[in-house]
Amino acid sequence: MNKPKILFMGTPEFAVPSLDILIKNDYPLIAVVTQPDRPKGRGRHFTPPPVKVLAEQSGLTVHQPELRRVRNEEFLDYFRSAAPDLVVLVAFGQILPKEIIEGPPSGCINVHPSLLPKYRGAAPINWALIRGETKTGVTIMRMDEGVDSGDILRQEETDIGPDENYGGLHDRLARQGAELLLRTIEDIAQGRCERKRQDHSAATFAPRIKQADTVIHWENAGADIVNLIRGLAPSPCACTVLDGKQLKVFSACFDGGAAQDLEPGSLGKPDRNGLPVVVRDGRVYLQDIQMENKKRMPIQDFLRGYRIASEKLG
């Protein structure tokens, strides 16, 4: 099998397993293209993207074009001179021009963490959990100029665990996507890769998570609230207000039943399940939280050192 020369484009942790599996299987990587270093943390120190860290550790050439610069003639000149057989894109973070998508002989392929055409967009893992899906998966797609609308090359389904949160599912799909990517590239190299058009009428969308999406509305159904918490943990995290301060909630469980005519958001007496909060159809028990300007901790530890003044959240 003649292995294609690959230009890899990716940025966050989700892309690391895909780059790593190509390195370990000795694929000829022309270079890695990733986002610029960005200031992070309280000190606002410039931090390299996770993909850059792995690439440099592996002795690969790294390019970091500024926002939208992949569309500039300077980068396109480099792309033409590099002449990749295949572009592999995994959570890169910039919109590609037509030349990069269609130029390579084997095309431009993308690892997307959903069962396309469901959950096209920036946050498919989050929204699958928030909307209570019990199954998801990974799609390897031949890119076009639309948003996650290209032909499907390979697809693999997986169950979502009842207590699985965004962080755990993200890491699992990243590994699953890397394995599926490897098999897809082997198919491409051997000329046996089939393309399947997406059913665009069945598309659903997963837009970027906004601050307003993270707010817990206690008047909602308990299962929906727990799904929101799962879908945003550990980051950006679902939040509410306690004693006038932001309270992040990392995990919770739901117990259905009568709410004794209390208003949604009302607090009950803590027990072994956690701190109960009245919702539309029962109680949600907070189990893992972080008060504003405090450390994350189990709810029982928090309650041992904090006296709650409010009777209600939000």
C-alpha atoms as a PDB file:
ATOM      1  CA  MET A   1       0.000   0.000   0.000  1.00  0.00           C
ATOM      2  CA  ASN A   2       1.378   3.412  -0.993  1.00  0.00           C
ATOM      3  CA  LYS A   3       0.691   5.706   1.924  1.00  0.00           C
ATOM      4  CA  PRO A   4      -0.584   9.160   0.923  1.00  0.00           C
ATOM      5  CA  LYS A   5       1.345  12.293   1.843  1.00  0.00           C
ATOM      6  CA  ILE A   6      -0.838  14.014   4.429  1.00  0.00           C
ATOM      7  CA  LEU A   7      -1.263  17.609   5.523  1.00  0.00           C
ATOM      8  CA  PHE A   8      -2.860  17.453   8.991  1.00  0.00           C
ATOM      9  CA  MET A   9      -5.020  20.358  10.185  1.00  0.00           C
ATOM     10  CA  GLY A  10      -6.285  20.342  13.784  1.00  0.00           C
ATOM     11  CA  THR A  11      -6.089  22.249  17.044  1.00  0.00           C
ATOM     12  CA  PRO A  12      -7.652  21.020  20.346  1.00  0.00           C
ATOM     13  CA  GLU A  13      -7.371  17.868  22.452  1.00  0.00           C
ATOM     14  CA  PHE A  14      -9.989  16.139  20.325  1.00  0.00           C
ATOM     15  CA  ALA A  15      -7.568  16.161  17.379  1.00  0.00           C
ATOM     16  CA  VAL A  16      -4.577  14.743  19.288  1.00  0.00           C
ATOM     17  CA  PRO A  17      -5.466  11.014  19.047  1.00  0.00           C
ATOM     18  CA  SER A  18      -5.952  11.343  15.276  1.00  0.00           C
ATOM     19  CA  LEU A  19      -2.538  12.949  14.776  1.00  0.00           C
ATOM     20  CA  ASP A  20      -0.954  10.459  17.173  1.00  0.00           C
ATOM     21  CA  ILE A  21      -2.313   7.413  15.323  1.00  0.00           C
ATOM     22  CA  LEU A  22      -0.977   8.715  12.000  1.00  0.00           C
ATOM     23  CA  ILE A  23       2.447   9.283  13.547  1.00  0.00           C
ATOM     24  CA  LYS A  24       2.517   5.817  15.122  1.00  0.00           C
ATOM     25  CA  ASN A  25       1.522   4.189  11.826  1.00  0.00           C
ATOM     26  CA  ASP A  26       4.321   5.975   9.947  1.00  0.00           C
ATOM     27  CA  TYR A  27       2.170   8.014   7.607  1.00  0.00           C
ATOM     28  CA  PRO A  28       4.197  10.654   5.722  1.00  0.00           C
ATOM     29  CA  LEU A  29       3.060  13.886   7.363  1.00  0.00           C
ATOM     30  CA  ILE A  30       4.144  16.893   5.318  1.00  0.00           C
ATOM     31  CA  ALA A  31       3.283  19.297   8.140  1.00  0.00           C
ATOM     32  CA  VAL A  32       0.753  20.115  10.836  1.00  0.00           C
ATOM     33  CA  VAL A  33      -1.389  23.250  10.528  1.00  0.00           C
ATOM     34  CA  THR A  34      -2.958  24.519  13.740  1.00  0.00           C
ATOM     35  CA  GLN A  35      -4.290  27.682  15.354  1.00  0.00           C
ATOM     36  CA  PRO A  36      -1.929  30.296  16.840  1.00  0.00           C
ATOM     37  CA  ASP A  37      -0.883  30.154  20.492  1.00  0.00           C
ATOM     38  CA  ARG A  38      -3.481  31.893  22.658  1.00  0.00           C
ATOM     39  CA  PRO A  39      -3.362  33.511  26.127  1.00  0.00           C
ATOM     40  CA  LYS A  40      -4.905  31.282  28.795  1.00  0.00           C
ATOM     41  CA  GLY A  41      -5.370  31.118  32.541  1.00  0.00           C
ATOM     42  CA  ARG A  42      -5.178  33.857  35.137  1.00  0.00           C
ATOM     43  CA  GLY A  43      -1.722  34.906  34.013  1.00  0.00           C
ATOM     44  CA  ARG A  44      -2.854  35.064  30.362  1.00  0.00           C
ATOM     45  CA  HIS A  45       0.321  33.284  29.278  1.00  0.00           C
ATOM     46  CA  PHE A  46       0.484  32.282  25.629  1.00  0.00           C
ATOM     47  CA  THR A  47      -0.201  28.561  25.405  1.00  0.00           C
ATOM     48  CA  PRO A  48       0.328  26.329  22.371  1.00  0.00           C
ATOM     49  CA  PRO A  49      -2.593  24.251  21.065  1.00  0.00           C
ATOM     50  CA  PRO A  50      -2.456  20.565  22.115  1.00  0.00           C
ATOM     51  CA  VAL A  51      -1.866  19.491  18.502  1.00  0.00           C
ATOM     52  CA  LYS A  52       1.198  21.746  18.267  1.00  0.00           C
ATOM     53  CA  VAL A  53       2.653  20.210  21.411  1.00  0.00           C
ATOM     54  CA  LEU A  54       2.421  16.683  19.995  1.00  0.00           C
ATOM     55  CA  ALA A  55       3.665  17.771  16.566  1.00  0.00           C
ATOM     56  CA  GLU A  56       6.764  19.434  17.972  1.00  0.00           C
ATOM     57  CA  GLN A  57       7.477  16.492  20.258  1.00  0.00           C
ATOM     58  CA  SER A  58       7.353  14.303  17.147  1.00  0.00           C
ATOM     59  CA  GLY A  59       9.656  16.547  15.117  1.00  0.00           C
ATOM     60  CA  LEU A  60       6.991  17.649  12.641  1.00  0.00           C
ATOM     61  CA  THR A  61       6.861  20.999  10.849  1.00  0.00           C
ATOM     62  CA  VAL A  62       4.155  23.253  12.317  1.00  0.00           C
ATOM     63  CA  HIS A  63       2.344  26.162  10.633  1.00  0.00           C
ATOM     64  CA  GLN A  64       0.075  28.502  12.611  1.00  0.00           C
ATOM     65  CA  PRO A  65      -1.759  30.880  10.253  1.00  0.00           C
ATOM     66  CA  GLU A  66      -3.767  33.592  11.984  1.00  0.00           C
ATOM     67  CA  LEU A  67      -7.559  33.620  11.865  1.00  0.00           C
ATOM     68  CA  ARG A  68      -8.812  33.250   8.276  1.00  0.00           C
ATOM     69  CA  ARG A  69      -5.231  33.302   6.980  1.00  0.00           C
ATOM     70  CA  VAL A  70      -5.598  29.846   5.410  1.00  0.00           C
ATOM     71  CA  ARG A  71      -7.531  31.695   2.715  1.00  0.00           C
ATOM     72  CA  ASN A  72      -4.684  34.109   2.033  1.00  0.00           C
ATOM     73  CA  GLU A  73      -2.452  33.732  -1.009  1.00  0.00           C
ATOM     74  CA  GLU A  74       0.642  33.317   1.189  1.00  0.00           C
ATOM     75  CA  PHE A  75      -0.706  30.143   2.783  1.00  0.00           C
ATOM     76  CA  LEU A  76      -2.177  28.881  -0.485  1.00  0.00           C
ATOM     77  CA  ASP A  77       1.244  29.256  -2.108  1.00  0.00           C
ATOM     78  CA  TYR A  78       2.648  27.050   0.643  1.00  0.00           C
ATOM     79  CA  PHE A  79      -0.197  24.573   0.180  1.00  0.00           C
ATOM     80  CA  ARG A  80       0.484  24.315  -3.554  1.00  0.00           C
ATOM     81  CA  SER A  81       4.189  23.771  -3.008  1.00  0.00           C
ATOM     82  CA  ALA A  82       3.532  21.117  -0.326  1.00  0.00           C
ATOM     83  CA  ALA A  83       1.253  19.254  -2.772  1.00  0.00           C
ATOM     84  CA  PRO A  84      -0.386  16.849  -0.285  1.00  0.00           C
ATOM     85  CA  ASP A  85      -2.159  13.742  -1.550  1.00  0.00           C
ATOM     86  CA  LEU A  86      -4.685  14.098   1.263  1.00  0.00           C
ATOM     87  CA  VAL A  87      -5.731  16.729   3.800  1.00  0.00           C
ATOM     88  CA  VAL A  88      -6.944  15.427   7.175  1.00  0.00           C
ATOM     89  CA  LEU A  89      -8.917  17.949   9.211  1.00  0.00           C
ATOM     90  CA  VAL A  90      -9.919  17.365  12.840  1.00  0.00           C
ATOM     91  CA  ALA A  91     -11.456  20.291  14.763  1.00  0.00           C
ATOM     92  CA  PHE A  92      -9.187  22.817  13.064  1.00  0.00           C
ATOM     93  CA  GLY A  93     -11.246  25.936  13.762  1.00  0.00           C
ATOM     94  CA  GLN A  94     -10.982  27.868  10.486  1.00  0.00           C
ATOM     95  CA  ILE A  95     -13.104  27.730   7.323  1.00  0.00           C
ATOM     96  CA  LEU A  96     -11.147  26.247   4.442  1.00  0.00           C
ATOM     97  CA  PRO A  97     -11.118  27.651   0.913  1.00  0.00           C
ATOM     98  CA  LYS A  98     -12.283  25.562  -2.025  1.00  0.00           C
ATOM     99  CA  GLU A  99      -8.710  24.959  -3.209  1.00  0.00           C
ATOM    100  CA  ILE A 100      -7.747  23.116  -0.029  1.00  0.00           C
ATOM    101  CA  ILE A 101     -11.011  21.154   0.059  1.00  0.00           C
ATOM    102  CA  GLU A 102     -10.912  20.026  -3.559  1.00  0.00           C
ATOM    103  CA  GLY A 103      -7.239  20.339  -4.555  1.00  0.00           C
ATOM    104  CA  PRO A 104      -5.589  17.181  -3.185  1.00  0.00           C
ATOM    105  CA  PRO A 105      -5.958  14.042  -5.359  1.00  0.00           C
ATOM    106  CA  SER A 106      -7.548  12.119  -2.456  1.00  0.00           C
ATOM    107  CA  GLY A 107      -9.497  15.105  -1.217  1.00  0.00           C
ATOM    108  CA  CYS A 108      -9.945  16.591   2.234  1.00  0.00           C
ATOM    109  CA  ILE A 109     -11.476  14.415   4.961  1.00  0.00           C
ATOM    110  CA  ASN A 110     -12.836  15.342   8.358  1.00  0.00           C
ATOM    111  CA  VAL A 111     -13.386  13.503  11.657  1.00  0.00           C
ATOM    112  CA  HIS A 112     -16.759  14.618  13.058  1.00  0.00           C
ATOM    113  CA  PRO A 113     -18.114  13.379  16.443  1.00  0.00           C
ATOM    114  CA  SER A 114     -21.718  12.639  15.511  1.00  0.00           C
ATOM    115  CA  LEU A 115     -23.755  10.362  13.263  1.00  0.00           C
ATOM    116  CA  LEU A 116     -24.146  12.800  10.386  1.00  0.00           C
ATOM    117  CA  PRO A 117     -26.436  14.283   9.212  1.00  0.00           C
ATOM    118  CA  LYS A 118     -27.413  14.628  12.885  1.00  0.00           C
ATOM    119  CA  TYR A 119     -25.647  17.327  14.876  1.00  0.00           C
ATOM    120  CA  ARG A 120     -23.834  19.308  12.232  1.00  0.00           C
ATOM    121  CA  GLY A 121     -21.913  22.214  13.698  1.00  0.00           C
ATOM    122  CA  ALA A 122     -19.468  23.262  16.388  1.00  0.00           C
ATOM    123  CA  ALA A 123     -20.749  21.405  19.475  1.00  0.00           C
ATOM    124  CA  PRO A 124     -22.169  17.985  18.497  1.00  0.00           C
ATOM    125  CA  ILE A 125     -21.061  16.155  21.642  1.00  0.00           C
ATOM    126  CA  ASN A 126     -22.564  18.762  23.960  1.00  0.00           C
ATOM    127  CA  TRP A 127     -25.926  18.856  22.204  1.00  0.00           C
ATOM    128  CA  ALA A 128     -26.248  15.087  21.885  1.00  0.00           C
ATOM    129  CA  LEU A 129     -26.010  14.853  25.675  1.00  0.00           C
ATOM    130  CA  ILE A 130     -28.147  17.918  26.376  1.00  0.00           C
ATOM    131  CA  ARG A 131     -30.929  16.521  24.180  1.00  0.00           C
ATOM    132  CA  GLY A 132     -30.841  13.157  25.914  1.00  0.00           C
ATOM    133  CA  GLU A 133     -29.509  10.996  23.088  1.00  0.00           C
ATOM    134  CA  THR A 134     -28.655   7.412  24.029  1.00  0.00           C
ATOM    135  CA  LYS A 135     -26.512   6.796  20.943  1.00  0.00           C
ATOM    136  CA  THR A 136     -23.966   8.824  19.028  1.00  0.00           C
ATOM    137  CA  GLY A 137     -20.872   8.046  17.015  1.00  0.00           C
ATOM    138  CA  VAL A 138     -18.168   9.270  14.679  1.00  0.00           C
ATOM    139  CA  THR A 139     -18.309  10.092  10.982  1.00  0.00           C
ATOM    140  CA  ILE A 140     -15.419  10.372   8.546  1.00  0.00           C
ATOM    141  CA  MET A 141     -16.620  12.772   5.872  1.00  0.00           C
ATOM    142  CA  ARG A 142     -15.279  13.933   2.517  1.00  0.00           C
ATOM    143  CA  MET A 143     -15.459  17.691   2.955  1.00  0.00           C
ATOM    144  CA  ASP A 144     -17.323  20.101   0.730  1.00  0.00           C
ATOM    145  CA  GLU A 145     -17.937  23.845   1.125  1.00  0.00           C
ATOM    146  CA  GLY A 146     -21.001  23.342   3.345  1.00  0.00           C
ATOM    147  CA  VAL A 147     -21.133  22.904   7.108  1.00  0.00           C
ATOM    148  CA  ASP A 148     -20.538  19.189   7.780  1.00  0.00           C
ATOM    149  CA  SER A 149     -22.557  18.372   4.668  1.00  0.00           C
ATOM    150  CA  GLY A 150     -20.044  16.312   2.670  1.00  0.00           C
ATOM    151  CA  ASP A 151     -20.305  12.675   1.644  1.00  0.00           C
ATOM    152  CA  ILE A 152     -19.896  10.020   4.349  1.00  0.00           C
ATOM    153  CA  LEU A 153     -16.910   7.695   3.930  1.00  0.00           C
ATOM    154  CA  ARG A 154     -17.212   5.719   7.166  1.00  0.00           C
ATOM    155  CA  GLN A 155     -19.456   5.892  10.203  1.00  0.00           C
ATOM    156  CA  GLU A 156     -19.462   4.067  13.524  1.00  0.00           C
ATOM    157  CA  GLU A 157     -22.092   4.138  16.270  1.00  0.00           C
ATOM    158  CA  THR A 158     -21.619   3.927  20.031  1.00  0.00           C
ATOM    159  CA  ASP A 159     -23.934   3.911  23.051  1.00  0.00           C
ATOM    160  CA  ILE A 160     -23.899   6.850  25.463  1.00  0.00           C
ATOM    161  CA  GLY A 161     -23.631   5.756  29.089  1.00  0.00           C
ATOM    162  CA  PRO A 162     -26.444   6.978  31.375  1.00  0.00           C
ATOM    163  CA  ASP A 163     -23.963   8.850  33.576  1.00  0.00           C
ATOM    164  CA  GLU A 164     -21.497   9.832  30.847  1.00  0.00           C
ATOM    165  CA  ASN A 165     -20.701  13.532  30.655  1.00  0.00           C
ATOM    166  CA  TYR A 166     -19.190  15.732  27.982  1.00  0.00           C
ATOM    167  CA  GLY A 167     -15.594  15.230  29.129  1.00  0.00           C
ATOM    168  CA  GLY A 168     -15.778  11.447  29.145  1.00  0.00           C
ATOM    169  CA  LEU A 169     -17.683  11.165  25.876  1.00  0.00           C
ATOM    170  CA  HIS A 170     -15.375  13.686  24.200  1.00  0.00           C
ATOM    171  CA  ASP A 171     -12.289  11.630  25.044  1.00  0.00           C
ATOM    172  CA  ARG A 172     -13.904   8.363  24.003  1.00  0.00           C
ATOM    173  CA  LEU A 173     -15.093   9.725  20.650  1.00  0.00           C
ATOM    174  CA  ALA A 174     -11.674  11.255  20.014  1.00  0.00           C
ATOM    175  CA  ARG A 175     -10.091   7.797  20.324  1.00  0.00           C
ATOM    176  CA  GLN A 176     -12.862   6.143  18.311  1.00  0.00           C
ATOM    177  CA  GLY A 177     -12.520   8.795  15.609  1.00  0.00           C
ATOM    178  CA  ALA A 178      -8.783   8.216  15.361  1.00  0.00           C
ATOM    179  CA  GLU A 179      -9.243   4.473  14.818  1.00  0.00           C
ATOM    180  CA  LEU A 180     -11.944   5.089  12.218  1.00  0.00           C
ATOM    181  CA  LEU A 181      -9.753   7.680  10.486  1.00  0.00           C
ATOM    182  CA  LEU A 182      -6.936   5.164  10.166  1.00  0.00           C
ATOM    183  CA  ARG A 183      -9.214   2.565   8.581  1.00  0.00           C
ATOM    184  CA  THR A 184     -10.638   5.184   6.202  1.00  0.00           C
ATOM    185  CA  ILE A 185      -7.208   6.294   5.003  1.00  0.00           C
ATOM    186  CA  GLU A 186      -6.282   2.654   4.410  1.00  0.00           C
ATOM    187  CA  ASP A 187      -9.421   2.335   2.271  1.00  0.00           C
ATOM    188  CA  ILE A 188      -8.522   5.483   0.330  1.00  0.00           C
ATOM    189  CA  ALA A 189      -4.956   4.290  -0.268  1.00  0.00           C
ATOM    190  CA  GLN A 190      -6.236   0.967  -1.598  1.00  0.00           C
ATOM    191  CA  GLY A 191      -8.899   2.548  -3.803  1.00  0.00           C
ATOM    192  CA  ARG A 192     -11.835   0.889  -2.063  1.00  0.00           C
ATOM    193  CA  CYS A 193     -13.414   3.864  -0.286  1.00  0.00           C
ATOM    194  CA  GLU A 194     -17.097   4.355  -1.107  1.00  0.00           C
ATOM    195  CA  ARG A 195     -18.936   7.653  -0.705  1.00  0.00           C
ATOM    196  CA  LYS A 196     -22.493   8.000   0.575  1.00  0.00           C
ATOM    197  CA  ARG A 197     -24.443  11.224   0.209  1.00  0.00           C
ATOM    198  CA  GLN A 198     -26.022  12.620   3.343  1.00  0.00           C
ATOM    199  CA  ASP A 199     -29.787  12.939   3.631  1.00  0.00           C
ATOM    200  CA  HIS A 200     -29.880  16.720   4.050  1.00  0.00           C
ATOM    201  CA  SER A 201     -33.575  16.637   4.972  1.00  0.00           C
ATOM    202  CA  ALA A 202     -32.650  14.723   8.151  1.00  0.00           C
ATOM    203  CA  ALA A 203     -29.997  17.208   9.289  1.00  0.00           C
ATOM    204  CA  THR A 204     -30.000  18.589  12.823  1.00  0.00           C
ATOM    205  CA  PHE A 205     -27.672  21.258  14.120  1.00  0.00           C
ATOM    206  CA  ALA A 206     -25.348  21.739  17.068  1.00  0.00           C
ATOM    207  CA  PRO A 207     -24.387  25.422  17.310  1.00  0.00           C
ATOM    208  CA  ARG A 208     -21.566  26.726  19.468  1.00  0.00           C
ATOM    209  CA  ILE A 209     -22.471  26.808  23.169  1.00  0.00           C
ATOM    210  CA  LYS A 210     -23.254  30.338  24.338  1.00  0.00           C
ATOM    211  CA  GLN A 211     -23.306  31.638  27.899  1.00  0.00           C
ATOM    212  CA  ALA A 212     -27.114  31.683  27.888  1.00  0.00           C
ATOM    213  CA  ASP A 213     -27.129  27.952  27.095  1.00  0.00           C
ATOM    214  CA  THR A 214     -25.323  27.165  30.359  1.00  0.00           C
ATOM    215  CA  VAL A 215     -27.970  28.604  32.703  1.00  0.00           C
ATOM    216  CA  ILE A 216     -30.060  26.030  34.591  1.00  0.00           C
ATOM    217  CA  HIS A 217     -33.805  26.730  34.495  1.00  0.00           C
ATOM    218  CA  TRP A 218     -35.233  24.937  37.517  1.00  0.00           C
ATOM    219  CA  GLU A 219     -38.789  25.061  36.158  1.00  0.00           C
ATOM    220  CA  ASN A 220     -37.771  22.510  33.519  1.00  0.00           C
ATOM    221  CA  ALA A 221     -38.152  18.743  33.817  1.00  0.00           C
ATOM    222  CA  GLY A 222     -35.571  17.062  36.046  1.00  0.00           C
ATOM    223  CA  ALA A 223     -34.218  14.727  33.365  1.00  0.00           C
ATOM    224  CA  ASP A 224     -33.636  17.698  31.040  1.00  0.00           C
ATOM    225  CA  ILE A 225     -31.747  19.563  33.768  1.00  0.00           C
ATOM    226  CA  VAL A 226     -29.507  16.577  34.485  1.00  0.00           C
ATOM    227  CA  ASN A 227     -28.846  16.185  30.762  1.00  0.00           C
ATOM    228  CA  LEU A 228     -27.833  19.850  30.554  1.00  0.00           C
ATOM    229  CA  ILE A 229     -25.418  19.357  33.446  1.00  0.00           C
ATOM    230  CA  ARG A 230     -23.944  16.227  31.824  1.00  0.00           C
ATOM    231  CA  GLY A 231     -23.659  17.935  28.450  1.00  0.00           C
ATOM    232  CA  LEU A 232     -21.618  20.840  29.810  1.00  0.00           C
ATOM    233  CA  ALA A 233     -19.381  19.111  32.365  1.00  0.00           C
ATOM    234  CA  PRO A 234     -16.584  19.721  33.072  1.00  0.00           C
ATOM    235  CA  SER A 235     -16.504  22.763  30.769  1.00  0.00           C
ATOM    236  CA  PRO A 236     -18.062  25.247  30.187  1.00  0.00           C
ATOM    237  CA  CYS A 237     -20.317  23.855  32.961  1.00  0.00           C
ATOM    238  CA  ALA A 238     -23.984  24.427  33.776  1.00  0.00           C
ATOM    239  CA  CYS A 239     -24.556  27.162  36.320  1.00  0.00           C
ATOM    240  CA  THR A 240     -27.062  28.731  38.666  1.00  0.00           C
ATOM    241  CA  VAL A 241     -26.983  31.388  41.409  1.00  0.00           C
ATOM    242  CA  LEU A 242     -26.642  30.736  45.137  1.00  0.00           C
ATOM    243  CA  ASP A 243     -26.566  33.597  47.650  1.00  0.00           C
ATOM    244  CA  GLY A 244     -25.947  36.039  44.820  1.00  0.00           C
ATOM    245  CA  LYS A 245     -22.920  34.155  43.481  1.00  0.00           C
ATOM    246  CA  GLN A 246     -22.446  31.868  40.523  1.00  0.00           C
ATOM    247  CA  LEU A 247     -22.605  28.163  41.358  1.00  0.00           C
ATOM    248  CA  LYS A 248     -21.288  25.707  38.786  1.00  0.00           C
ATOM    249  CA  VAL A 249     -22.818  22.236  38.809  1.00  0.00           C
ATOM    250  CA  PHE A 250     -20.700  19.343  37.505  1.00  0.00           C
ATOM    251  CA  SER A 251     -22.961  16.429  38.361  1.00  0.00           C
ATOM    252  CA  ALA A 252     -26.455  15.777  39.681  1.00  0.00           C
ATOM    253  CA  CYS A 253     -29.142  13.101  39.747  1.00  0.00           C
ATOM    254  CA  PHE A 254     -32.915  13.263  39.410  1.00  0.00           C
ATOM    255  CA  ASP A 255     -35.594  11.798  41.654  1.00  0.00           C
ATOM    256  CA  GLY A 256     -39.137  12.090  40.319  1.00  0.00           C
ATOM    257  CA  GLY A 257     -42.161  12.603  42.488  1.00  0.00           C
ATOM    258  CA  ALA A 258     -44.210  15.260  44.208  1.00  0.00           C
ATOM    259  CA  ALA A 259     -42.528  18.598  44.891  1.00  0.00           C
ATOM    260  CA  GLN A 260     -44.832  19.478  47.811  1.00  0.00           C
ATOM    261  CA  ASP A 261     -46.047  22.659  46.082  1.00  0.00           C
ATOM    262  CA  LEU A 262     -42.667  24.372  46.465  1.00  0.00           C
ATOM    263  CA  GLU A 263     -41.440  26.733  43.748  1.00  0.00           C
ATOM    264  CA  PRO A 264     -38.877  25.423  41.275  1.00  0.00           C
ATOM    265  CA  GLY A 265     -35.396  26.201  42.526  1.00  0.00           C
ATOM    266  CA  SER A 266     -36.363  25.820  46.195  1.00  0.00           C
ATOM    267  CA  LEU A 267     -33.748  24.071  48.305  1.00  0.00           C
ATOM    268  CA  GLY A 268     -34.476  21.064  50.494  1.00  0.00           C
ATOM    269  CA  LYS A 269     -32.616  19.356  53.311  1.00  0.00           C
ATOM    270  CA  PRO A 270     -29.399  17.658  52.182  1.00  0.00           C
ATOM    271  CA  ASP A 271     -29.196  13.878  52.417  1.00  0.00           C
ATOM    272  CA  ARG A 272     -26.936  11.101  51.129  1.00  0.00           C
ATOM    273  CA  ASN A 273     -28.030  11.871  47.525  1.00  0.00           C
ATOM    274  CA  GLY A 274     -26.840  15.478  47.741  1.00  0.00           C
ATOM    275  CA  LEU A 275     -28.532  18.860  47.985  1.00  0.00           C
ATOM    276  CA  PRO A 276     -32.125  18.645  46.662  1.00  0.00           C
ATOM    277  CA  VAL A 277     -33.526  21.349  44.400  1.00  0.00           C
ATOM    278  CA  VAL A 278     -37.213  21.402  43.488  1.00  0.00           C
ATOM    279  CA  VAL A 279     -37.940  21.102  39.764  1.00  0.00           C
ATOM    280  CA  ARG A 280     -41.149  20.744  37.760  1.00  0.00           C
ATOM    281  CA  ASP A 281     -41.525  17.012  38.303  1.00  0.00           C
ATOM    282  CA  GLY A 282     -39.508  16.180  41.397  1.00  0.00           C
ATOM    283  CA  ARG A 283     -36.064  16.990  42.736  1.00  0.00           C
ATOM    284  CA  VAL A 284     -32.606  17.292  41.260  1.00  0.00           C
ATOM    285  CA  TYR A 285     -29.822  16.484  43.732  1.00  0.00           C
ATOM    286  CA  LEU A 286     -26.629  18.495  43.335  1.00  0.00           C
ATOM    287  CA  GLN A 287     -23.604  16.280  43.874  1.00  0.00           C
ATOM    288  CA  ASP A 288     -20.476  18.021  42.558  1.00  0.00           C
ATOM    289  CA  ILE A 289     -20.245  21.817  42.518  1.00  0.00           C
ATOM    290  CA  GLN A 290     -18.003  24.870  42.509  1.00  0.00           C
ATOM    291  CA  MET A 291     -18.918  28.133  44.188  1.00  0.00           C
ATOM    292  CA  GLU A 292     -17.658  31.340  42.603  1.00  0.00           C
ATOM    293  CA  ASN A 293     -13.980  31.937  43.513  1.00  0.00           C
ATOM    294  CA  LYS A 294     -13.811  28.571  45.321  1.00  0.00           C
ATOM    295  CA  LYS A 295     -12.497  25.120  44.456  1.00  0.00           C
ATOM    296  CA  ARG A 296     -14.604  22.399  42.893  1.00  0.00           C
ATOM    297  CA  MET A 297     -15.743  19.880  45.499  1.00  0.00           C
ATOM    298  CA  PRO A 298     -18.349  17.232  46.382  1.00  0.00           C
ATOM    299  CA  ILE A 299     -21.520  18.813  47.723  1.00  0.00           C
ATOM    300  CA  GLN A 300     -21.111  17.192  51.148  1.00  0.00           C
ATOM    301  CA  ASP A 301     -17.680  18.802  51.584  1.00  0.00           C
ATOM    302  CA  PHE A 302     -19.062  22.147  50.453  1.00  0.00           C
ATOM    303  CA  LEU A 303     -21.945  22.018  52.929  1.00  0.00           C
ATOM    304  CA  ARG A 304     -19.613  21.230  55.828  1.00  0.00           C
ATOM    305  CA  GLY A 305     -17.863  24.558  55.338  1.00  0.00           C
ATOM    306  CA  TYR A 306     -20.618  26.800  54.011  1.00  0.00           C
ATOM    307  CA  ARG A 307     -23.906  27.972  55.512  1.00  0.00           C
ATOM    308  CA  ILE A 308     -26.513  28.608  52.820  1.00  0.00           C
ATOM    309  CA  ALA A 309     -28.463  31.823  53.352  1.00  0.00           C
ATOM    310  CA  SER A 310     -30.906  31.524  50.431  1.00  0.00           C
ATOM    311  CA  GLU A 311     -33.950  29.272  50.288  1.00  0.00           C
ATOM    312  CA  LYS A 312     -33.897  29.156  46.507  1.00  0.00           C
ATOM    313  CA  LEU A 313     -31.465  28.950  43.596  1.00  0.00           C
ATOM    314  CA  GLY A 314     -31.425  31.175  40.512  1.00  0.00           C
END
